[in-house]
Amino acid sequence: MGVEPNDGQPMLSGLKVIDLTSVVFGPYATQILADYGAQVTKIEAPGGDVYRYGAKPAKTPGMGPGFIALNRGKKSVMLDLKRSGDVERLQTLLQDADVFIHNVREDAIGRLGFDYNAVRALNPEIIYVHCVGFGSGGPYAGLQAYDDVIQAASGTTSLLPRVDGNTRPRYLPSLIADKVAGLHAAYAVMAAITHRLRTGRGQRIEVPMLEAFTSFMMKEHLDGKTFDPPNGDAAYGRQVDPNRQPFETKDGWISIVPYILPHFPLVVGLLGDKTMAEDERWRDPANIVAAAPELYARIGELTLTKTTDECVEILRAANIPCMPAVDLNDVIHDPHLNETGFFERCEHPSEGALYQMRDPNRFSDWQQGDLGHAPRLGEHNDES
C-alpha cells in the first residue's frame, strides 16, 4: 500500500526521550533526535546545564548561543535528584519513556538510583544510553573526559605539528570529539529503536567518547599502522602535507584541490604557466607525486597574480574543485547556504531574533517544519 509523502508527522514522532546529559556530547545527540520529531525532555539540576553559560547571551543569563544551538525543540524540567520528591518525578517520567540518555558516571548514577537495572525495573523495554568518556573494561574507565582530553588521547593533537613543523601538540579548534561522539550516540539510539521494533526488547548502550573519536580519526590516519608488520607510520600523508593549504590570491585566499594527479600540471597551466604545465616529466605519474611540493609552490605563486573570483572562474570552468577560503563571520552570508534554506532566522520567545541551522539532510517523504526553540531553565516544570 502506498503512503502519501510528507503527511506532516515527524519521522520520530511519538518517541519519548528523557535526557539527563549536559554540555555537548549528549545534547548534540538528543538535538538530532528532537529535530526528527522525538519528544525530548531535558532534565536539569538547579542552576542548569553548565553550557548555558558557555558564551555571551543576547538577553537572558543561561541562554548562550552554544546552548541554544544544541537544545532547540526540547523541554526543560529542573529537578534536584537529592530530593526524594524529584527522584519520584523522574521515575514517573521514565515509566513510559522510550529512551533514557545520561552522561553521569557509573558510580554516581547508581547512588542516585538510576543505573540500568533500576531503570529497567521501571520500564523493561527502555533503551538506556550511557555517554561515557572511556569504554568500560579498560584502565581509563570511569575517568572524566572532555573534548581536549579526548583529542590528546586519540593522537589528534599530533596532527598540526606534522603539518607545520611546530612540535608543540595542539587541539583542533572545535569541540569535534564531543560532536562526533554525539553523532555516534544518535545513530546508536536509532539502531536500538529499530532493533526494539523487531524484537520488542530494550537494551543498554554504552557510547564511549575516546573509542568513538578514535574510530573517526583513524579511518584515514591509522594508515601504515593498519598492517602487521606496519608498512609505514600513522597519519595520512595527503592530509598532513604542509603544502596542501589554502593559497593566497590578490584579495584573499582560495582552496584548490587537484586531487587527481594529472590535475596538478593542469592547474598550473590554467593559472598561467603553460610551459611548466607541458613539461614532459608529467607523462609519468610518479614524477607528479615526487614533484608535488614544487607544483604546490608554483600554484601558490600563480594565485597571487589573480583575484579569488578570477581563480574560481578559471578553475570551475575546468571542473577543478575549488572554493574561496572564508572567515567564520562570513559563513552566515554564504549564498548557497542561504538559497538552500540552511540558515533560518526566527524569533525566540525570550531572546528575540536569532539564526538557527536546519538539519542538513533532505528526505523525499518528510520536510522539517518548525525548528522549535531552546528552553529556559525549568520552563516546562509545570507540564510534566
Protein backbone atom coordinates (compact mmCIF):
# COMPACT_ATOMS: atom_id res chain seq x y z
CA MET A 1 0.00 0.00 0.00
CA GLY A 2 1.35 3.40 -1.00
CA VAL A 3 1.94 6.10 1.58
CA GLU A 4 1.27 9.74 0.87
CA PRO A 5 4.53 11.70 1.16
CA ASN A 6 5.00 14.38 3.81
CA ASP A 7 1.92 13.57 5.91
CA GLY A 8 3.08 16.13 8.46
CA GLN A 9 4.26 13.65 11.08
CA PRO A 10 7.93 13.96 12.00
CA MET A 11 9.82 10.71 11.49
CA LEU A 12 10.46 10.12 15.20
CA SER A 13 7.05 11.40 16.29
CA GLY A 14 5.89 9.59 19.41
CA LEU A 15 9.41 8.74 20.59
CA LYS A 16 9.81 9.92 24.18
CA VAL A 17 13.37 10.72 25.30
CA ILE A 18 14.42 11.61 28.83
CA ASP A 19 17.72 13.46 28.58
CA LEU A 20 19.98 13.76 31.62
CA THR A 21 23.01 14.93 29.65
CA SER A 22 24.82 18.25 29.64
CA VAL A 23 27.40 20.29 27.73
CA VAL A 24 27.82 18.99 24.13
CA PHE A 25 28.17 15.21 23.65
CA GLY A 26 24.74 14.11 24.85
CA PRO A 27 22.82 17.29 23.98
CA TYR A 28 24.03 17.09 20.37
CA ALA A 29 22.68 13.54 20.12
CA THR A 30 19.30 14.49 21.58
CA GLN A 31 19.07 17.64 19.47
CA ILE A 32 19.28 15.42 16.38
CA LEU A 33 16.51 13.22 17.77
CA ALA A 34 14.42 16.31 18.53
CA ASP A 35 14.94 17.62 15.00
CA TYR A 36 13.44 14.38 13.71
CA GLY A 37 10.43 14.74 15.94
CA ALA A 38 11.24 12.98 19.19
CA GLN A 39 9.79 14.48 22.36
CA VAL A 40 12.94 15.27 24.33
CA THR A 41 12.65 16.30 27.97
CA LYS A 42 15.89 17.75 29.26
CA ILE A 43 16.39 17.15 32.98
CA GLU A 44 18.50 19.88 34.56
CA ALA A 45 19.81 20.32 38.07
CA PRO A 46 19.22 23.62 39.86
CA GLY A 47 21.49 26.08 38.08
CA GLY A 48 21.07 24.25 34.81
CA ASP A 49 23.34 22.76 32.19
CA VAL A 50 26.74 24.45 32.59
CA TYR A 51 26.89 25.00 28.83
CA ARG A 52 24.08 27.52 29.22
CA TYR A 53 26.80 29.87 30.43
CA GLY A 54 29.49 28.97 27.88
CA ALA A 55 29.21 32.18 25.84
CA LYS A 56 27.59 35.60 25.93
CA PRO A 57 23.76 35.57 25.77
CA ALA A 58 21.69 38.14 23.90
CA LYS A 59 19.37 38.93 26.81
CA THR A 60 18.93 36.21 29.41
CA PRO A 61 21.70 34.68 31.54
CA GLY A 62 21.85 30.97 30.82
CA MET A 63 20.78 31.32 27.20
CA GLY A 64 24.18 31.34 25.48
CA PRO A 65 24.43 30.70 21.73
CA GLY A 66 26.02 27.25 22.04
CA PHE A 67 23.27 26.09 24.37
CA ILE A 68 20.62 27.43 22.01
CA ALA A 69 22.19 25.56 19.07
CA LEU A 70 22.26 22.23 20.89
CA ASN A 71 18.94 22.29 22.72
CA ARG A 72 16.27 23.56 20.38
CA GLY A 73 12.97 21.74 20.33
CA LYS A 74 13.44 20.29 23.84
CA LYS A 75 11.55 20.76 27.07
CA SER A 76 13.42 21.70 30.23
CA VAL A 77 12.44 20.26 33.60
CA MET A 78 14.53 21.27 36.60
CA LEU A 79 14.91 18.53 39.21
CA ASP A 80 17.10 18.20 42.28
CA LEU A 81 17.80 14.47 42.39
CA LYS A 82 18.95 14.78 46.00
CA ARG A 83 15.30 15.34 46.93
CA SER A 84 13.02 12.33 47.15
CA GLY A 85 10.11 14.11 45.51
CA ASP A 86 12.19 14.96 42.43
CA VAL A 87 13.57 11.42 42.28
CA GLU A 88 10.00 10.13 42.20
CA ARG A 89 9.15 12.62 39.47
CA LEU A 90 11.99 11.35 37.26
CA GLN A 91 10.94 7.77 37.96
CA THR A 92 7.45 8.64 36.76
CA LEU A 93 8.82 10.23 33.58
CA LEU A 94 10.87 7.11 32.87
CA GLN A 95 7.96 4.69 33.23
CA ASP A 96 6.61 5.43 29.76
CA ALA A 97 9.81 6.71 28.11
CA ASP A 98 11.39 5.07 25.10
CA VAL A 99 14.93 6.33 25.72
CA PHE A 100 16.88 7.42 28.77
CA ILE A 101 20.23 9.03 27.99
CA HIS A 102 22.71 10.41 30.52
CA ASN A 103 26.38 11.24 30.99
CA VAL A 104 26.63 10.72 34.75
CA ARG A 105 29.49 8.45 35.82
CA GLU A 106 28.52 4.89 36.71
CA ASP A 107 29.04 5.09 40.45
CA ALA A 108 27.21 8.42 40.73
CA ILE A 109 24.18 7.34 38.68
CA GLY A 110 23.99 4.24 40.85
CA ARG A 111 23.89 6.34 44.01
CA LEU A 112 21.08 8.39 42.51
CA GLY A 113 19.13 5.20 41.87
CA PHE A 114 19.09 5.37 38.06
CA ASP A 115 21.55 2.72 36.91
CA TYR A 116 20.41 0.37 34.15
CA ASN A 117 18.96 -2.30 36.42
CA ALA A 118 16.96 0.25 38.40
CA VAL A 119 15.57 1.93 35.29
CA ARG A 120 14.84 -1.38 33.58
CA ALA A 121 12.82 -2.39 36.64
CA LEU A 122 10.65 0.67 36.00
CA ASN A 123 10.46 0.13 32.24
CA PRO A 124 11.72 -3.22 30.87
CA GLU A 125 11.66 -2.09 27.22
CA ILE A 126 13.58 1.14 27.71
CA ILE A 127 16.66 1.97 25.65
CA TYR A 128 19.23 3.11 28.19
CA VAL A 129 22.13 5.14 26.77
CA HIS A 130 25.21 5.91 28.82
CA CYS A 131 27.52 8.57 27.34
CA VAL A 132 30.96 7.95 28.82
CA GLY A 133 34.47 9.25 28.27
CA PHE A 134 36.12 5.83 28.05
CA GLY A 135 34.70 2.38 27.44
CA SER A 136 34.19 0.00 30.34
CA GLY A 137 36.75 -2.76 30.80
CA GLY A 138 39.84 -0.62 30.20
CA PRO A 139 42.19 1.21 32.57
CA TYR A 140 40.62 4.61 31.76
CA ALA A 141 37.06 3.51 32.55
CA GLY A 142 35.36 5.93 34.93
CA LEU A 143 37.73 8.82 34.28
CA GLN A 144 36.30 12.22 33.45
CA ALA A 145 36.64 13.28 29.84
CA TYR A 146 36.24 16.49 27.91
CA ASP A 147 36.97 17.28 24.29
CA ASP A 148 40.56 18.38 24.92
CA VAL A 149 41.36 15.20 26.83
CA ILE A 150 39.98 13.02 24.05
CA GLN A 151 41.83 14.92 21.34
CA ALA A 152 45.03 14.33 23.30
CA ALA A 153 44.41 10.63 23.95
CA SER A 154 43.40 9.91 20.34
CA GLY A 155 46.58 11.34 18.83
CA THR A 156 44.71 14.24 17.26
CA THR A 157 46.94 16.82 18.96
CA SER A 158 49.88 15.41 16.98
CA LEU A 159 48.37 16.29 13.59
CA LEU A 160 49.10 20.02 13.34
CA PRO A 161 52.77 19.51 14.32
CA ARG A 162 53.05 17.12 11.38
CA VAL A 163 51.74 19.86 9.11
CA ASP A 164 53.74 22.92 10.18
CA GLY A 165 56.77 21.52 11.97
CA ASN A 166 55.96 23.22 15.29
CA THR A 167 56.45 20.28 17.65
CA ARG A 168 54.03 21.57 20.29
CA PRO A 169 50.88 19.38 20.37
CA ARG A 170 47.74 21.42 19.69
CA TYR A 171 43.99 20.94 19.75
CA LEU A 172 41.83 21.32 16.69
CA PRO A 173 39.82 24.49 17.48
CA SER A 174 36.46 22.77 17.56
CA LEU A 175 34.53 20.63 20.02
CA ILE A 176 34.95 17.95 17.40
CA ALA A 177 35.33 14.95 19.72
CA ASP A 178 32.16 15.86 21.61
CA LYS A 179 30.20 16.29 18.38
CA VAL A 180 31.47 13.11 16.75
CA ALA A 181 30.56 11.15 19.89
CA GLY A 182 27.14 12.79 19.81
CA LEU A 183 26.60 11.57 16.26
CA HIS A 184 27.53 8.04 17.35
CA ALA A 185 25.02 8.25 20.20
CA ALA A 186 22.26 9.47 17.90
CA TYR A 187 22.63 6.68 15.38
CA ALA A 188 23.04 4.10 18.17
CA VAL A 189 19.67 5.18 19.57
CA MET A 190 18.03 4.87 16.17
CA ALA A 191 19.59 1.45 15.63
CA ALA A 192 18.30 0.31 19.03
CA ILE A 193 14.83 1.63 18.21
CA THR A 194 14.84 -0.44 15.02
CA HIS A 195 16.03 -3.47 16.99
CA ARG A 196 13.23 -3.00 19.52
CA LEU A 197 10.65 -2.75 16.74
CA ARG A 198 11.82 -6.17 15.52
CA THR A 199 12.31 -7.90 18.87
CA GLY A 200 10.32 -5.95 21.47
CA ARG A 201 13.44 -5.73 23.62
CA GLY A 202 15.14 -2.68 25.04
CA GLN A 203 18.82 -2.63 25.92
CA ARG A 204 21.71 -0.72 27.44
CA ILE A 205 24.04 1.17 25.11
CA GLU A 206 27.43 2.49 26.11
CA VAL A 207 28.81 5.25 23.87
CA PRO A 208 32.47 5.88 24.77
CA MET A 209 33.89 9.16 23.58
CA LEU A 210 37.51 8.02 23.16
CA GLU A 211 36.58 4.97 21.11
CA ALA A 212 34.06 6.93 19.01
CA PHE A 213 36.51 9.70 18.19
CA THR A 214 39.49 7.41 17.67
CA SER A 215 37.43 5.40 15.20
CA PHE A 216 36.52 8.61 13.40
CA MET A 217 40.07 9.98 13.21
CA MET A 218 41.88 6.73 12.48
CA LYS A 219 39.83 5.76 9.42
CA GLU A 220 42.48 7.51 7.35
CA HIS A 221 45.20 8.22 9.90
CA LEU A 222 45.92 4.64 11.03
CA ASP A 223 47.49 4.42 7.57
CA GLY A 224 50.69 2.34 7.63
CA LYS A 225 49.95 1.00 11.11
CA THR A 226 46.96 -0.83 9.62
CA PHE A 227 49.18 -3.75 8.70
CA ASP A 228 51.13 -6.16 10.88
CA PRO A 229 54.00 -5.61 10.49
CA PRO A 230 53.45 -1.93 9.65
CA ASN A 231 54.43 -0.73 6.19
CA GLY A 232 54.69 2.88 7.31
CA ASP A 233 53.83 5.38 10.02
CA ALA A 234 50.42 6.60 11.13
CA ALA A 235 48.93 9.75 9.54
CA TYR A 236 47.52 10.01 6.03
CA GLY A 237 50.21 11.80 4.06
CA ARG A 238 47.95 13.93 1.89
CA GLN A 239 46.21 15.40 4.94
CA VAL A 240 49.40 16.37 6.76
CA ASP A 241 51.20 17.73 3.69
CA PRO A 242 52.32 21.25 4.71
CA ASN A 243 51.84 22.40 1.12
CA ARG A 244 48.21 21.34 0.99
CA GLN A 245 46.78 24.55 2.39
CA PRO A 246 44.70 27.46 1.05
CA PHE A 247 46.57 29.60 -1.48
CA GLU A 248 46.81 33.38 -1.21
CA THR A 249 45.32 35.48 -4.01
CA LYS A 250 45.43 39.20 -4.79
CA ASP A 251 42.50 39.81 -2.48
CA GLY A 252 42.07 36.77 -0.26
CA TRP A 253 42.60 33.02 -0.12
CA ILE A 254 41.37 30.02 -2.08
CA SER A 255 41.23 26.27 -1.56
CA ILE A 256 42.25 24.31 -4.67
CA VAL A 257 42.22 20.51 -4.68
CA PRO A 258 43.99 18.92 -7.66
CA TYR A 259 43.08 15.52 -6.26
CA ILE A 260 43.66 13.54 -9.46
CA LEU A 261 47.35 13.53 -10.32
CA PRO A 262 47.01 14.99 -13.87
CA HIS A 263 45.17 17.93 -12.32
CA PHE A 264 48.38 19.23 -10.73
CA PRO A 265 50.03 20.33 -14.01
CA LEU A 266 46.61 21.21 -15.44
CA VAL A 267 46.02 23.74 -12.63
CA VAL A 268 49.46 25.23 -13.21
CA GLY A 269 48.61 25.71 -16.88
CA LEU A 270 45.15 27.10 -16.23
CA LEU A 271 46.61 29.70 -13.88
CA GLY A 272 49.13 30.87 -16.46
CA ASP A 273 52.30 28.77 -16.62
CA LYS A 274 51.77 26.65 -19.71
CA THR A 275 55.48 25.93 -20.03
CA MET A 276 55.65 24.16 -16.68
CA ALA A 277 52.28 22.51 -17.30
CA GLU A 278 53.57 20.93 -20.52
CA ASP A 279 56.82 19.64 -19.02
CA GLU A 280 57.44 16.11 -20.28
CA ARG A 281 58.06 14.94 -16.71
CA TRP A 282 54.31 14.84 -16.06
CA ARG A 283 53.82 11.96 -18.50
CA ASP A 284 54.94 9.71 -15.66
CA PRO A 285 52.54 9.94 -12.68
CA ALA A 286 55.39 9.05 -10.33
CA ASN A 287 57.10 12.30 -11.28
CA ILE A 288 53.97 14.27 -10.35
CA VAL A 289 53.95 12.66 -6.91
CA ALA A 290 57.65 13.37 -6.41
CA ALA A 291 57.27 16.97 -7.55
CA ALA A 292 54.12 17.74 -5.52
CA PRO A 293 55.88 20.34 -3.31
CA GLU A 294 57.25 22.07 -6.43
CA LEU A 295 53.81 22.07 -8.08
CA TYR A 296 52.06 23.34 -4.94
CA ALA A 297 54.65 26.12 -4.65
CA ARG A 298 54.10 27.17 -8.26
CA ILE A 299 50.33 27.18 -7.82
CA GLY A 300 50.83 29.44 -4.82
CA GLU A 301 52.90 31.87 -6.91
CA LEU A 302 50.31 31.92 -9.70
CA THR A 303 47.29 32.53 -7.49
CA LEU A 304 48.97 35.70 -6.22
CA THR A 305 48.62 37.14 -9.72
CA LYS A 306 44.83 36.85 -9.72
CA THR A 307 41.86 37.70 -7.56
CA THR A 308 39.97 34.96 -5.78
CA ASP A 309 36.99 35.37 -8.13
CA GLU A 310 39.25 35.10 -11.16
CA CYS A 311 40.78 31.88 -9.85
CA VAL A 312 37.37 30.43 -9.10
CA GLU A 313 36.05 31.26 -12.58
CA ILE A 314 39.05 29.69 -14.33
CA LEU A 315 39.15 26.54 -12.22
CA ARG A 316 35.43 25.83 -12.12
CA ALA A 317 35.29 26.08 -15.91
CA ALA A 318 37.75 23.17 -15.94
CA ASN A 319 35.91 21.22 -13.20
CA ILE A 320 38.75 21.66 -10.71
CA PRO A 321 37.41 21.58 -7.13
CA CYS A 322 37.95 24.97 -5.52
CA MET A 323 36.28 27.35 -3.10
CA PRO A 324 37.15 30.71 -1.55
CA ALA A 325 38.51 30.37 1.99
CA VAL A 326 36.09 32.48 4.00
CA ASP A 327 36.11 33.76 7.55
CA LEU A 328 33.74 32.25 10.12
CA ASN A 329 31.99 35.60 10.37
CA ASP A 330 31.06 35.41 6.68
CA VAL A 331 29.63 31.89 6.55
CA ILE A 332 26.18 33.06 7.62
CA HIS A 333 26.06 35.17 4.44
CA ASP A 334 27.04 32.32 2.10
CA PRO A 335 24.77 32.48 -0.96
CA HIS A 336 24.47 28.72 -1.34
CA LEU A 337 23.60 28.07 2.30
CA ASN A 338 21.04 30.85 2.24
CA GLU A 339 19.49 29.76 -1.04
CA THR A 340 19.05 26.20 0.27
CA GLY A 341 17.47 27.50 3.49
CA PHE A 342 20.19 26.12 5.75
CA PHE A 343 20.24 29.22 7.94
CA GLU A 344 16.84 30.24 9.25
CA ARG A 345 16.10 33.50 11.03
CA CYS A 346 13.47 33.02 13.70
CA GLU A 347 12.13 34.58 16.88
CA HIS A 348 12.97 33.07 20.25
CA PRO A 349 10.35 33.76 22.95
CA SER A 350 12.85 35.34 25.31
CA GLU A 351 15.99 36.02 23.26
CA GLY A 352 14.44 37.68 20.21
CA ALA A 353 15.68 37.27 16.64
CA LEU A 354 18.34 34.65 16.06
CA TYR A 355 19.67 32.30 13.40
CA GLN A 356 19.35 28.54 13.54
CA MET A 357 20.75 25.86 11.25
CA ARG A 358 18.29 23.40 9.79
CA ASP A 359 19.02 19.68 9.68
CA PRO A 360 21.29 19.25 6.63
CA ASN A 361 19.69 16.01 5.40
CA ARG A 362 16.86 16.09 2.90
CA PHE A 363 14.17 13.42 2.76
CA SER A 364 11.73 12.84 -0.06
CA ASP A 365 8.92 11.80 2.31
CA TRP A 366 9.32 14.35 5.09
CA GLN A 367 10.19 18.00 5.38
CA GLN A 368 11.39 19.56 8.60
CA GLY A 369 8.93 22.10 9.94
CA ASP A 370 9.28 24.47 12.87
CA LEU A 371 12.69 24.01 14.49
CA GLY A 372 11.40 24.86 17.93
CA HIS A 373 13.32 26.92 20.45
CA ALA A 374 15.81 26.17 23.20
CA PRO A 375 14.06 26.21 26.58
CA ARG A 376 14.69 28.43 29.54
CA LEU A 377 15.73 26.58 32.68
CA GLY A 378 12.73 24.77 34.12
CA GLU A 379 10.42 26.24 31.50
CA HIS A 380 8.32 23.09 31.38
CA ASN A 381 8.28 22.08 35.03
CA ASP A 382 4.54 22.58 35.26
CA GLU A 383 3.84 20.41 32.22
CA SER A 384 5.42 17.13 33.25
